[in-house]
Amino acid sequence: MTPDQRHDSICARPLLERIRVPRTGPGRPRCRPDQVIADKIYSSRGFRAHLRKRGIGHTIPEKTDQRRHRLRRGGHGGRPP
């Protein structure tokens, strides 16, 4: 939890580092979830790149202004996240 108006995405990476996914059988818990479902707040390129680098699938809606910017760039804007 962050105080008042502090941006939530600041805590996203440290939170993911502390996650432990229990196994159904014996063994230690996994430290990397298969999938992350998040709000638009977490749609920054940096956070998406962090998830991709760790091999974590994600479902995060794209912000309207990010989508507009990508579409305005045309072929140089890249594909949707």
Protein backbone atom coordinates (compact mmCIF):
# COMPACT_ATOMS: atom_id res chain seq x y z
CA MET A 1 0.00 0.00 0.00
CA THR A 2 1.19 3.48 -0.82
CA PRO A 3 0.32 6.66 1.06
CA ASP A 4 -2.40 8.92 -0.38
CA GLN A 5 -1.82 10.07 -3.95
CA ARG A 6 1.44 8.19 -4.53
CA HIS A 7 1.43 6.29 -7.82
CA ASP A 8 0.53 2.61 -7.41
CA SER A 9 2.86 1.36 -10.12
CA ILE A 10 5.87 2.31 -7.95
CA CYS A 11 5.05 -0.66 -5.72
CA ALA A 12 4.32 -3.14 -8.52
CA ARG A 13 7.84 -4.47 -9.05
CA PRO A 14 8.68 -4.95 -5.34
CA LEU A 15 5.30 -6.61 -4.86
CA LEU A 16 5.99 -9.08 -7.68
CA GLU A 17 9.37 -9.89 -6.12
CA ARG A 18 7.66 -10.93 -2.86
CA ILE A 19 4.95 -13.12 -4.44
CA ARG A 20 5.13 -16.81 -3.68
CA VAL A 21 2.81 -19.14 -5.62
CA PRO A 22 2.24 -22.36 -3.63
CA ARG A 23 2.64 -25.67 -5.42
CA THR A 24 -0.11 -28.28 -5.40
CA GLY A 25 2.34 -30.99 -4.36
CA PRO A 26 5.58 -31.00 -2.44
CA GLY A 27 8.25 -28.44 -3.16
CA ARG A 28 9.03 -24.84 -2.50
CA PRO A 29 6.68 -22.12 -3.77
CA ARG A 30 7.28 -20.60 -7.17
CA CYS A 31 8.43 -16.97 -7.21
CA ARG A 32 7.04 -16.18 -10.66
CA PRO A 33 3.31 -16.22 -11.44
CA ASP A 34 2.09 -17.48 -14.82
CA GLN A 35 -0.16 -14.48 -15.49
CA VAL A 36 -0.69 -10.98 -14.10
CA ILE A 37 -4.01 -9.21 -14.54
CA ALA A 38 -3.76 -5.50 -13.78
CA ASP A 39 -5.56 -2.19 -14.18
CA LYS A 40 -4.68 0.59 -16.65
CA ILE A 41 -2.51 2.18 -13.99
CA TYR A 42 0.12 -0.49 -14.67
CA SER A 43 0.19 -0.09 -18.46
CA SER A 44 3.56 1.67 -18.68
CA ARG A 45 6.10 0.40 -21.19
CA GLY A 46 8.64 -0.15 -18.44
CA PHE A 47 6.37 -2.37 -16.38
CA ARG A 48 5.31 -4.39 -19.44
CA ALA A 49 8.97 -4.82 -20.39
CA HIS A 50 9.76 -6.00 -16.85
CA LEU A 51 7.01 -8.63 -17.06
CA ARG A 52 8.18 -9.77 -20.51
CA LYS A 53 11.78 -10.03 -19.30
CA ARG A 54 10.71 -12.29 -16.44
CA GLY A 55 8.50 -14.38 -18.74
CA ILE A 56 5.26 -13.43 -17.02
CA GLY A 57 2.15 -13.22 -19.18
CA HIS A 58 0.01 -10.17 -18.60
CA THR A 59 -3.43 -8.79 -19.32
CA ILE A 60 -3.33 -5.02 -18.92
CA PRO A 61 -5.68 -2.72 -20.84
CA GLU A 62 -3.99 0.01 -22.83
CA LYS A 63 -4.65 3.62 -21.83
CA THR A 64 -6.56 5.68 -24.39
CA ASP A 65 -3.81 8.27 -24.78
CA GLN A 66 -1.16 5.54 -25.28
CA ARG A 67 -3.33 3.92 -27.95
CA ARG A 68 -3.91 7.25 -29.72
CA HIS A 69 -0.18 7.99 -29.70
CA ARG A 70 0.64 4.54 -31.10
CA LEU A 71 -1.97 4.86 -33.86
CA ARG A 72 -0.83 8.40 -34.72
CA ARG A 73 2.68 7.10 -35.35
CA GLY A 74 1.30 4.70 -37.96
CA GLY A 75 3.65 1.92 -39.05
CA HIS A 76 6.36 3.22 -36.70
CA GLY A 77 4.08 2.97 -33.65
CA GLY A 78 4.50 -0.77 -33.33
CA ARG A 79 1.92 -3.37 -32.62
CA PRO A 80 -0.50 -3.26 -29.70
CA PRO A 81 0.84 -4.57 -26.39
